[in-house]
C-alpha atoms as a PDB file:
ATOM      1  CA  MET A   1      19.284 192.867   1.790  1.00  0.00           C
ATOM      2  CA  LEU A   2      20.373 192.480  -1.666  1.00  0.00           C
ATOM      3  CA  LYS A   3      22.146 189.409  -3.109  1.00  0.00           C
ATOM      4  CA  SER A   4      24.978 189.126  -4.663  1.00  0.00           C
ATOM      5  CA  ASN A   5      24.162 186.205  -6.870  1.00  0.00           C
ATOM      6  CA  LEU A   6      22.956 188.071  -9.681  1.00  0.00           C
ATOM      7  CA  ILE A   7      22.332 186.054 -13.524  1.00  0.00           C
ATOM      8  CA  ILE A   8      26.064 187.316 -14.447  1.00  0.00           C
ATOM      9  CA  LEU A   9      28.128 188.082 -11.793  1.00  0.00           C
ATOM     10  CA  THR A  10      31.586 189.870 -11.864  1.00  0.00           C
ATOM     11  CA  ILE A  11      34.016 187.697  -9.632  1.00  0.00           C
ATOM     12  CA  VAL A  12      36.755 189.084  -7.362  1.00  0.00           C
ATOM     13  CA  PHE A  13      38.732 185.967  -8.084  1.00  0.00           C
ATOM     14  CA  LEU A  14      38.187 186.507 -11.887  1.00  0.00           C
ATOM     15  CA  SER A  15      40.026 189.553 -11.878  1.00  0.00           C
ATOM     16  CA  ALA A  16      42.932 188.028 -10.241  1.00  0.00           C
ATOM     17  CA  VAL A  17      42.808 185.222 -12.823  1.00  0.00           C
ATOM     18  CA  LEU A  18      42.877 187.495 -15.926  1.00  0.00           C
ATOM     19  CA  THR A  19      45.528 189.730 -14.481  1.00  0.00           C
ATOM     20  CA  SER A  20      47.572 186.660 -13.736  1.00  0.00           C
ATOM     21  CA  CYS A  21      46.886 185.509 -17.531  1.00  0.00           C
ATOM     22  CA  GLY A  22      47.939 189.338 -18.627  1.00  0.00           C
ATOM     23  CA  GLY A  23      44.335 189.430 -19.088  1.00  0.00           C
ATOM     24  CA  LYS A  24      44.113 188.031 -22.436  1.00  0.00           C
ATOM     25  CA  GLN A  25      40.791 186.334 -23.823  1.00  0.00           C
ATOM     26  CA  SER A  26      38.125 185.644 -26.537  1.00  0.00           C
ATOM     27  CA  SER A  27      38.722 187.820 -29.722  1.00  0.00           C
ATOM     28  CA  GLN A  28      40.818 190.276 -27.426  1.00  0.00           C
ATOM     29  CA  VAL A  29      43.618 187.905 -27.271  1.00  0.00           C
ATOM     30  CA  GLN A  30      45.697 189.779 -29.369  1.00  0.00           C
ATOM     31  CA  SER A  31      48.738 191.556 -29.654  1.00  0.00           C
ATOM     32  CA  ILE A  32      48.505 195.383 -29.756  1.00  0.00           C
ATOM     33  CA  LEU A  33      50.827 195.149 -32.709  1.00  0.00           C
ATOM     34  CA  PRO A  34      50.518 193.515 -35.682  1.00  0.00           C
ATOM     35  CA  SER A  35      52.058 189.755 -35.852  1.00  0.00           C
ATOM     36  CA  ARG A  36      54.802 190.341 -38.030  1.00  0.00           C
ATOM     37  CA  TYR A  37      55.818 193.073 -35.266  1.00  0.00           C
ATOM     38  CA  THR A  38      55.685 190.702 -31.785  1.00  0.00           C
ATOM     39  CA  ASP A  39      59.131 189.079 -32.638  1.00  0.00           C
ATOM     40  CA  VAL A  40      60.975 192.729 -32.975  1.00  0.00           C
ATOM     41  CA  VAL A  41      63.917 192.916 -31.212  1.00  0.00           C
ATOM     42  CA  VAL A  42      64.165 196.144 -29.174  1.00  0.00           C
ATOM     43  CA  ALA A  43      67.293 195.420 -27.191  1.00  0.00           C
ATOM     44  CA  GLU A  44      70.151 193.824 -26.868  1.00  0.00           C
ATOM     45  CA  VAL A  45      71.878 193.178 -23.663  1.00  0.00           C
ATOM     46  CA  ASN A  46      75.667 190.788 -23.781  1.00  0.00           C
ATOM     47  CA  LYS A  47      74.500 189.066 -26.992  1.00  0.00           C
ATOM     48  CA  THR A  48      70.994 188.392 -25.493  1.00  0.00           C
ATOM     49  CA  GLN A  49      67.557 189.651 -26.611  1.00  0.00           C
ATOM     50  CA  ILE A  50      64.429 191.844 -25.608  1.00  0.00           C
ATOM     51  CA  PHE A  51      61.426 191.774 -27.620  1.00  0.00           C
ATOM     52  CA  PHE A  52      59.154 193.846 -27.962  1.00  0.00           C
ATOM     53  CA  VAL A  53      56.257 191.843 -26.529  1.00  0.00           C
ATOM     54  CA  ASP A  54      58.736 191.535 -23.403  1.00  0.00           C
ATOM     55  CA  ILE A  55      57.743 195.278 -22.743  1.00  0.00           C
ATOM     56  CA  GLU A  56      54.597 195.247 -23.496  1.00  0.00           C
ATOM     57  CA  ASP A  57      53.075 192.107 -21.757  1.00  0.00           C
ATOM     58  CA  LEU A  58      55.206 194.035 -18.712  1.00  0.00           C
ATOM     59  CA  ALA A  59      53.251 197.273 -19.285  1.00  0.00           C
ATOM     60  CA  ILE A  60      49.995 195.412 -19.117  1.00  0.00           C
ATOM     61  CA  SER A  61      51.011 193.198 -16.102  1.00  0.00           C
ATOM     62  CA  ARG A  62      51.822 196.838 -14.727  1.00  0.00           C
ATOM     63  CA  ALA A  63      48.396 198.240 -15.842  1.00  0.00           C
ATOM     64  CA  LEU A  64      50.352 201.016 -17.109  1.00  0.00           C
ATOM     65  CA  ILE A  65      48.561 200.294 -19.905  1.00  0.00           C
ATOM     66  CA  SER A  66      45.249 198.592 -21.186  1.00  0.00           C
ATOM     67  CA  GLU A  67      44.231 195.513 -22.750  1.00  0.00           C
ATOM     68  CA  GLY A  68      44.478 196.915 -26.508  1.00  0.00           C
ATOM     69  CA  GLU A  69      45.784 200.140 -25.536  1.00  0.00           C
ATOM     70  CA  THR A  70      48.837 201.093 -28.259  1.00  0.00           C
ATOM     71  CA  LEU A  71      52.192 201.229 -26.348  1.00  0.00           C
ATOM     72  CA  GLU A  72      54.272 203.879 -28.341  1.00  0.00           C
ATOM     73  CA  PHE A  73      57.848 203.217 -29.218  1.00  0.00           C
ATOM     74  CA  ASP A  74      58.562 207.056 -28.037  1.00  0.00           C
ATOM     75  CA  SER A  75      56.583 207.230 -25.435  1.00  0.00           C
ATOM     76  CA  VAL A  76      57.651 207.144 -21.297  1.00  0.00           C
ATOM     77  CA  ILE A  77      55.681 204.114 -20.299  1.00  0.00           C
ATOM     78  CA  TYR A  78      57.877 202.065 -23.085  1.00  0.00           C
ATOM     79  CA  ASN A  79      60.964 203.807 -21.639  1.00  0.00           C
ATOM     80  CA  THR A  80      60.379 203.139 -18.254  1.00  0.00           C
ATOM     81  CA  VAL A  81      59.481 199.802 -18.664  1.00  0.00           C
ATOM     82  CA  LEU A  82      61.949 198.578 -21.565  1.00  0.00           C
ATOM     83  CA  ASN A  83      65.283 200.077 -18.810  1.00  0.00           C
ATOM     84  CA  GLU A  84      63.183 198.376 -16.311  1.00  0.00           C
ATOM     85  CA  VAL A  85      63.502 194.970 -18.556  1.00  0.00           C
ATOM     86  CA  ILE A  86      67.595 195.637 -19.129  1.00  0.00           C
ATOM     87  CA  ASP A  87      68.083 196.097 -15.561  1.00  0.00           C
ATOM     88  CA  GLN A  88      66.061 192.742 -15.036  1.00  0.00           C
ATOM     89  CA  ARG A  89      68.359 191.425 -17.746  1.00  0.00           C
ATOM     90  CA  LEU A  90      71.915 192.344 -16.340  1.00  0.00           C
ATOM     91  CA  LEU A  91      70.838 191.267 -13.133  1.00  0.00           C
ATOM     92  CA  ALA A  92      70.015 188.026 -14.446  1.00  0.00           C
ATOM     93  CA  LEU A  93      72.755 187.515 -16.356  1.00  0.00           C
ATOM     94  CA  LYS A  94      75.037 188.174 -13.547  1.00  0.00           C
ATOM     95  CA  ALA A  95      73.602 185.452 -10.995  1.00  0.00           C
ATOM     96  CA  LEU A  96      74.194 182.579 -13.908  1.00  0.00           C
ATOM     97  CA  GLU A  97      77.142 184.038 -14.098  1.00  0.00           C
ATOM     98  CA  LYS A  98      77.928 183.330 -10.261  1.00  0.00           C
ATOM     99  CA  LYS A  99      76.295 180.475 -11.010  1.00  0.00           C
ATOM    100  CA  LEU A 100      73.320 181.303  -8.381  1.00  0.00           C
ATOM    101  CA  ASP A 101      71.041 179.217 -10.494  1.00  0.00           C
ATOM    102  CA  GLN A 102      72.373 176.102  -8.795  1.00  0.00           C
ATOM    103  CA  GLU A 103      71.497 176.756  -5.294  1.00  0.00           C
ATOM    104  CA  PRO A 104      68.610 174.827  -3.982  1.00  0.00           C
ATOM    105  CA  GLU A 105      66.444 178.388  -2.765  1.00  0.00           C
ATOM    106  CA  VAL A 106      66.611 179.378  -6.410  1.00  0.00           C
ATOM    107  CA  ILE A 107      66.203 175.994  -7.927  1.00  0.00           C
ATOM    108  CA  ARG A 108      63.065 175.667  -5.739  1.00  0.00           C
ATOM    109  CA  ARG A 109      61.747 179.447  -6.870  1.00  0.00           C
ATOM    110  CA  LEU A 110      62.614 179.016 -10.137  1.00  0.00           C
ATOM    111  CA  ALA A 111      60.394 175.615 -10.204  1.00  0.00           C
ATOM    112  CA  LEU A 112      57.649 177.789  -8.782  1.00  0.00           C
ATOM    113  CA  ALA A 113      57.749 180.471 -11.198  1.00  0.00           C
ATOM    114  CA  ARG A 114      57.944 177.736 -13.845  1.00  0.00           C
ATOM    115  CA  ASP A 115      54.411 176.662 -12.746  1.00  0.00           C
ATOM    116  CA  VAL A 116      52.882 180.042 -12.507  1.00  0.00           C
ATOM    117  CA  THR A 117      54.026 180.618 -16.050  1.00  0.00           C
ATOM    118  CA  LEU A 118      52.397 177.268 -17.338  1.00  0.00           C
ATOM    119  CA  SER A 119      49.167 177.404 -15.143  1.00  0.00           C
ATOM    120  CA  ASN A 120      48.607 180.933 -16.955  1.00  0.00           C
ATOM    121  CA  VAL A 121      49.324 179.254 -20.343  1.00  0.00           C
ATOM    122  CA  MET A 122      47.089 176.664 -19.759  1.00  0.00           C
ATOM    123  CA  LEU A 123      44.553 179.322 -19.015  1.00  0.00           C
ATOM    124  CA  GLU A 124      45.048 181.200 -21.915  1.00  0.00           C
ATOM    125  CA  LYS A 125      44.456 178.574 -24.416  1.00  0.00           C
ATOM    126  CA  GLN A 126      41.721 176.972 -22.207  1.00  0.00           C
ATOM    127  CA  ILE A 127      39.923 180.361 -22.037  1.00  0.00           C
ATOM    128  CA  LYS A 128      40.988 181.351 -25.608  1.00  0.00           C
ATOM    129  CA  SER A 129      39.431 178.309 -27.291  1.00  0.00           C
ATOM    130  CA  LYS A 130      35.995 178.173 -25.202  1.00  0.00           C
ATOM    131  CA  VAL A 131      35.033 181.993 -25.069  1.00  0.00           C
ATOM    132  CA  ASN A 132      34.671 183.317 -28.125  1.00  0.00           C
ATOM    133  CA  ASP A 133      32.053 185.259 -30.092  1.00  0.00           C
ATOM    134  CA  LYS A 134      29.714 182.478 -31.249  1.00  0.00           C
ATOM    135  CA  THR A 135      29.887 181.216 -27.606  1.00  0.00           C
ATOM    136  CA  ILE A 136      29.235 185.072 -25.880  1.00  0.00           C
ATOM    137  CA  GLU A 137      26.429 185.248 -28.151  1.00  0.00           C
ATOM    138  CA  ARG A 138      24.779 182.178 -27.401  1.00  0.00           C
ATOM    139  CA  LEU A 139      25.016 182.879 -23.611  1.00  0.00           C
ATOM    140  CA  TYR A 140      23.803 186.571 -24.507  1.00  0.00           C
ATOM    141  CA  VAL A 141      20.810 185.022 -26.426  1.00  0.00           C
ATOM    142  CA  GLU A 142      19.894 182.442 -23.249  1.00  0.00           C
ATOM    143  CA  GLN A 143      20.245 185.529 -20.857  1.00  0.00           C
ATOM    144  CA  LYS A 144      18.319 187.804 -22.997  1.00  0.00           C
ATOM    145  CA  TYR A 145      15.296 184.832 -22.856  1.00  0.00           C
ATOM    146  CA  LEU A 146      15.337 184.235 -18.965  1.00  0.00           C
ATOM    147  CA  ARG A 147      15.430 188.173 -18.389  1.00  0.00           C
ATOM    148  CA  GLY A 148      12.505 188.270 -21.033  1.00  0.00           C
ATOM    149  CA  GLN A 149      10.423 185.696 -18.501  1.00  0.00           C
ATOM    150  CA  ARG A 150      10.963 187.657 -15.711  1.00  0.00           C
ATOM    151  CA  ASP A 151       8.969 190.741 -13.834  1.00  0.00           C
ATOM    152  CA  GLU A 152      10.901 193.570 -11.944  1.00  0.00           C
ATOM    153  CA  ILE A 153       9.239 195.520  -8.971  1.00  0.00           C
ATOM    154  CA  GLN A 154      10.178 199.059  -7.660  1.00  0.00           C
ATOM    155  CA  VAL A 155       9.523 199.169  -4.421  1.00  0.00           C
ATOM    156  CA  ARG A 156       9.769 201.680  -1.340  1.00  0.00           C
ATOM    157  CA  HIS A 157      10.166 200.616   1.981  1.00  0.00           C
ATOM    158  CA  ILE A 158      10.600 202.196   5.906  1.00  0.00           C
ATOM    159  CA  LEU A 159      13.229 200.433   8.251  1.00  0.00           C
ATOM    160  CA  VAL A 160      13.131 200.436  11.925  1.00  0.00           C
ATOM    161  CA  GLU A 161      14.646 198.382  14.499  1.00  0.00           C
ATOM    162  CA  ASP A 162      11.599 196.630  15.950  1.00  0.00           C
ATOM    163  CA  PHE A 163       8.410 195.589  15.690  1.00  0.00           C
ATOM    164  CA  LYS A 164       6.590 198.159  18.265  1.00  0.00           C
ATOM    165  CA  VAL A 165       7.681 201.160  16.124  1.00  0.00           C
ATOM    166  CA  ALA A 166       7.034 198.968  12.819  1.00  0.00           C
ATOM    167  CA  SER A 167       3.106 198.573  14.112  1.00  0.00           C
ATOM    168  CA  LYS A 168       2.803 202.413  14.994  1.00  0.00           C
ATOM    169  CA  VAL A 169       4.206 203.372  11.709  1.00  0.00           C
ATOM    170  CA  ALA A 170       2.169 200.813   9.639  1.00  0.00           C
ATOM    171  CA  MET A 171      -0.830 202.384  11.512  1.00  0.00           C
ATOM    172  CA  ARG A 172      -0.056 205.697  11.192  1.00  0.00           C
ATOM    173  CA  LEU A 173       0.395 204.892   7.222  1.00  0.00           C
ATOM    174  CA  SER A 174      -2.995 203.411   7.543  1.00  0.00           C
ATOM    175  CA  GLU A 175      -4.683 206.400   8.406  1.00  0.00           C
ATOM    176  CA  GLY A 176      -3.117 208.364   5.686  1.00  0.00           C
ATOM    177  CA  GLU A 177      -0.079 210.171   7.366  1.00  0.00           C
ATOM    178  CA  SER A 178       2.530 210.735   3.900  1.00  0.00           C
ATOM    179  CA  PHE A 179       5.246 207.366   3.693  1.00  0.00           C
ATOM    180  CA  ASP A 180       7.599 210.574   2.850  1.00  0.00           C
ATOM    181  CA  ASP A 181       7.299 212.049   6.114  1.00  0.00           C
ATOM    182  CA  LEU A 182       7.336 208.596   8.137  1.00  0.00           C
ATOM    183  CA  VAL A 183      10.548 207.380   5.842  1.00  0.00           C
ATOM    184  CA  SER A 184      12.359 211.054   7.332  1.00  0.00           C
ATOM    185  CA  GLU A 185      11.217 210.626  10.850  1.00  0.00           C
ATOM    186  CA  TYR A 186      11.309 206.762  10.866  1.00  0.00           C
ATOM    187  CA  SER A 187      13.598 204.928   8.723  1.00  0.00           C
ATOM    188  CA  LYS A 188      16.656 203.779   9.417  1.00  0.00           C
ATOM    189  CA  ASP A 189      18.000 203.342   6.174  1.00  0.00           C
ATOM    190  CA  ILE A 190      20.439 206.118   5.272  1.00  0.00           C
ATOM    191  CA  HIS A 191      20.740 204.957   1.476  1.00  0.00           C
ATOM    192  CA  THR A 192      17.083 205.766   0.503  1.00  0.00           C
ATOM    193  CA  ASN A 193      16.058 208.054   3.201  1.00  0.00           C
ATOM    194  CA  GLU A 194      16.601 210.731   0.515  1.00  0.00           C
ATOM    195  CA  SER A 195      14.845 209.378  -2.103  1.00  0.00           C
ATOM    196  CA  GLY A 196      11.506 208.547   0.113  1.00  0.00           C
ATOM    197  CA  GLY A 197      12.623 204.972   0.670  1.00  0.00           C
ATOM    198  CA  ILE A 198      12.931 203.578  -2.902  1.00  0.00           C
ATOM    199  CA  LEU A 199      14.307 200.822  -3.420  1.00  0.00           C
ATOM    200  CA  PRO A 200      15.848 200.421  -7.548  1.00  0.00           C
ATOM    201  CA  TYR A 201      13.875 197.740  -9.682  1.00  0.00           C
ATOM    202  CA  PHE A 202      14.914 193.975  -8.312  1.00  0.00           C
ATOM    203  CA  SER A 203      13.745 190.562  -9.711  1.00  0.00           C
ATOM    204  CA  LYS A 204      13.140 187.795  -7.507  1.00  0.00           C
ATOM    205  CA  ASP A 205      16.706 187.028  -6.883  1.00  0.00           C
ATOM    206  CA  MET A 206      17.955 189.826  -5.989  1.00  0.00           C
ATOM    207  CA  MET A 207      16.617 190.631  -2.870  1.00  0.00           C
ATOM    208  CA  ASP A 208      16.628 188.306   0.563  1.00  0.00           C
ATOM    209  CA  ASP A 209      13.728 185.660  -0.088  1.00  0.00           C
ATOM    210  CA  GLU A 210      11.121 186.972   2.790  1.00  0.00           C
ATOM    211  CA  PHE A 211      11.561 190.226   1.583  1.00  0.00           C
ATOM    212  CA  SER A 212      10.766 189.224  -1.990  1.00  0.00           C
ATOM    213  CA  LYS A 213       8.416 186.806  -1.143  1.00  0.00           C
ATOM    214  CA  LEU A 214       6.295 189.929   0.605  1.00  0.00           C
ATOM    215  CA  ALA A 215       7.301 192.398  -2.093  1.00  0.00           C
ATOM    216  CA  PHE A 216       6.272 190.566  -5.158  1.00  0.00           C
ATOM    217  CA  SER A 217       3.013 189.675  -3.047  1.00  0.00           C
ATOM    218  CA  LEU A 218       2.046 193.226  -3.472  1.00  0.00           C
ATOM    219  CA  SER A 219      -0.805 194.848  -5.659  1.00  0.00           C
ATOM    220  CA  VAL A 220       0.290 198.083  -7.128  1.00  0.00           C
ATOM    221  CA  GLY A 221       0.006 201.048  -4.348  1.00  0.00           C
ATOM    222  CA  GLU A 222      -0.132 198.297  -1.475  1.00  0.00           C
ATOM    223  CA  PHE A 223       1.195 198.904   1.847  1.00  0.00           C
ATOM    224  CA  SER A 224       2.890 195.402   3.523  1.00  0.00           C
ATOM    225  CA  PRO A 225       2.584 195.099   7.473  1.00  0.00           C
ATOM    226  CA  PRO A 226       5.413 194.484   9.457  1.00  0.00           C
ATOM    227  CA  LEU A 227       8.011 192.684   7.997  1.00  0.00           C
ATOM    228  CA  GLU A 228      11.489 191.088   9.641  1.00  0.00           C
ATOM    229  CA  THR A 229      14.582 190.807   8.626  1.00  0.00           C
ATOM    230  CA  LYS A 230      18.213 190.375   9.102  1.00  0.00           C
ATOM    231  CA  ASP A 231      18.266 194.366   8.253  1.00  0.00           C
ATOM    232  CA  GLY A 232      15.199 195.091  10.980  1.00  0.00           C
ATOM    233  CA  TRP A 233      11.531 195.892  10.312  1.00  0.00           C
ATOM    234  CA  HIS A 234      10.178 197.227   7.486  1.00  0.00           C
ATOM    235  CA  ILE A 235       7.221 198.560   5.580  1.00  0.00           C
ATOM    236  CA  VAL A 236       6.812 197.710   2.146  1.00  0.00           C
ATOM    237  CA  GLN A 237       4.951 199.539  -0.555  1.00  0.00           C
ATOM    238  CA  LEU A 238       4.733 198.414  -4.307  1.00  0.00           C
ATOM    239  CA  LEU A 239       5.221 201.111  -6.833  1.00  0.00           C
ATOM    240  CA  LYS A 240       5.739 199.522  -9.826  1.00  0.00           C
ATOM    241  CA  ARG A 241       6.029 196.243 -11.860  1.00  0.00           C
ATOM    242  CA  ARG A 242       7.381 195.650 -15.138  1.00  0.00           C
ATOM    243  CA  ARG A 243       9.268 193.385 -17.632  1.00  0.00           C
ATOM    244  CA  ALA A 244      12.910 193.053 -16.982  1.00  0.00           C
ATOM    245  CA  PRO A 245      14.119 195.598 -19.868  1.00  0.00           C
ATOM    246  CA  GLN A 246      16.615 193.905 -22.519  1.00  0.00           C
ATOM    247  CA  PRO A 247      20.294 194.779 -22.666  1.00  0.00           C
ATOM    248  CA  THR A 248      22.013 194.766 -25.746  1.00  0.00           C
ATOM    249  CA  LEU A 249      25.022 192.506 -26.450  1.00  0.00           C
ATOM    250  CA  PRO A 250      27.521 195.519 -26.537  1.00  0.00           C
ATOM    251  CA  GLU A 251      26.312 195.907 -22.678  1.00  0.00           C
ATOM    252  CA  MET A 252      26.460 192.688 -21.723  1.00  0.00           C
ATOM    253  CA  ARG A 253      29.897 191.393 -23.608  1.00  0.00           C
ATOM    254  CA  GLU A 254      32.089 192.730 -20.609  1.00  0.00           C
ATOM    255  CA  SER A 255      29.974 190.672 -17.689  1.00  0.00           C
ATOM    256  CA  ILE A 256      29.110 187.501 -20.175  1.00  0.00           C
ATOM    257  CA  ILE A 257      32.851 187.180 -20.418  1.00  0.00           C
ATOM    258  CA  ASP A 258      33.661 187.230 -16.875  1.00  0.00           C
ATOM    259  CA  PHE A 259      31.370 184.978 -16.279  1.00  0.00           C
ATOM    260  CA  MET A 260      32.560 182.383 -18.689  1.00  0.00           C
ATOM    261  CA  THR A 261      35.752 183.061 -18.023  1.00  0.00           C
ATOM    262  CA  TYR A 262      35.089 181.855 -14.492  1.00  0.00           C
ATOM    263  CA  ASP A 263      33.212 179.035 -15.282  1.00  0.00           C
ATOM    264  CA  GLU A 264      35.298 177.761 -17.366  1.00  0.00           C
ATOM    265  CA  VAL A 265      38.519 178.217 -15.054  1.00  0.00           C
ATOM    266  CA  ASN A 266      36.406 176.656 -12.518  1.00  0.00           C
ATOM    267  CA  ARG A 267      35.168 173.695 -14.797  1.00  0.00           C
ATOM    268  CA  LEU A 268      38.783 173.345 -15.878  1.00  0.00           C
ATOM    269  CA  LEU A 269      40.261 173.389 -12.381  1.00  0.00           C
ATOM    270  CA  SER A 270      37.498 170.962 -10.884  1.00  0.00           C
ATOM    271  CA  LYS A 271      37.865 168.241 -13.877  1.00  0.00           C
ATOM    272  CA  LEU A 272      42.041 168.366 -13.265  1.00  0.00           C
ATOM    273  CA  ARG A 273      41.424 167.947  -9.153  1.00  0.00           C
ATOM    274  CA  LYS A 274      38.554 164.787  -9.801  1.00  0.00           C
ATOM    275  CA  GLU A 275      41.486 163.205 -12.307  1.00  0.00           C
ATOM    276  CA  SER A 276      44.419 163.701  -9.756  1.00  0.00           C
ATOM    277  CA  THR A 277      45.607 162.301  -6.550  1.00  0.00           C
ATOM    278  CA  ILE A 278      46.034 164.877  -3.883  1.00  0.00           C
ATOM    279  CA  LYS A 279      47.700 164.407  -0.388  1.00  0.00           C
ATOM    280  CA  LEU A 280      47.556 167.170   1.403  1.00  0.00           C
ATOM    281  CA  ASN A 281      49.670 166.659   4.741  1.00  0.00           C
ATOM    282  CA  ASP A 282      48.595 166.918   8.548  1.00  0.00           C
ATOM    283  CA  LEU A 283      51.215 169.483   9.508  1.00  0.00           C
ATOM    284  CA  SER A 284      49.755 169.779  13.322  1.00  0.00           C
ATOM    285  CA  GLU A 285      52.010 167.694  14.830  1.00  0.00           C
ATOM    286  CA  THR A 286      55.255 169.168  13.271  1.00  0.00           C
ATOM    287  CA  TYR A 287      54.464 172.543  14.655  1.00  0.00           C
ATOM    288  CA  LEU A 288      53.727 171.599  18.086  1.00  0.00           C
ATOM    289  CA  GLU A 289      57.344 170.616  17.796  1.00  0.00           C
ATOM    290  CA  ARG A 290      58.860 173.532  16.598  1.00  0.00           C
ATOM    291  CA  PRO A 291      60.538 175.030  19.611  1.00  0.00           C
ATOM    292  CA  GLN A 292      58.693 178.164  20.817  1.00  0.00           C
ATOM    293  CA  ASP A 293      59.670 181.918  20.623  1.00  0.00           C
ATOM    294  CA  VAL A 294      61.872 182.318  24.105  1.00  0.00           C
ATOM    295  CA  THR A 295      61.386 186.612  24.956  1.00  0.00           C
ATOM    296  CA  GLU A 296      64.756 187.071  28.026  1.00  0.00           C
ATOM    297  CA  ASN A 297      63.502 188.951  30.365  1.00  0.00           C
ATOM    298  CA  ASP A 298      65.736 192.890  30.839  1.00  0.00           C
END
């Protein structure tokens, strides 16, 4: 019944993008330490250097610390990640010594890793330039205005499986029986049974069209006739109507950043796809020609 497309969405895809980018965006794109410390060398391994920022970035990517959290030099996390980076460096140097970087499979994997790194850096820079305090505040003002133009209502409902039962419930309500009692006796909505069938406040765009249209057409206190949706048959009563409350910028900031980042990533990728030549090869014949696995009989 509830739609997922609220004014500001928190998108699953976005979380993956932010994680791959190190979670850096807008005014939050900054090092935990002042800039003069980001090039601090914390270890040397066979004449190669490991920097503090390497430890910091890996700790953030592993969700061992959050963006903006201070990474202490004497912490368990710092020492754990430092030792992991040292081990990686030792293995990488040994691989170079054995010239593994010249093997075709390794070359392919290094090229893929390069693409991932470059794409992440490109997104970081694009997001940093487009998602900032000024653009966040502008979108907040727009969203605040839109929310101020919307009504919200609160209803309670009884959900049943068929029209016959819904009609019976509607008749008993018209005869003055308690809504709460009928919710307990009939409603299949386990999420609202204990609250007397009451739903949270919602605007028109937050519910299925047929449910919203009916609910918003009611007067306060009025019961609806039975309504069928994909969930079943509803009897709805309108309880309250109000203007949508106005959230503050701090309350909306995270959602706005998520929305703007997702929107900017989509915009950039759409633009690049339109400007580029992309050819997808048909692999169906290739797969048909592959020999099938043969299971030998015992």
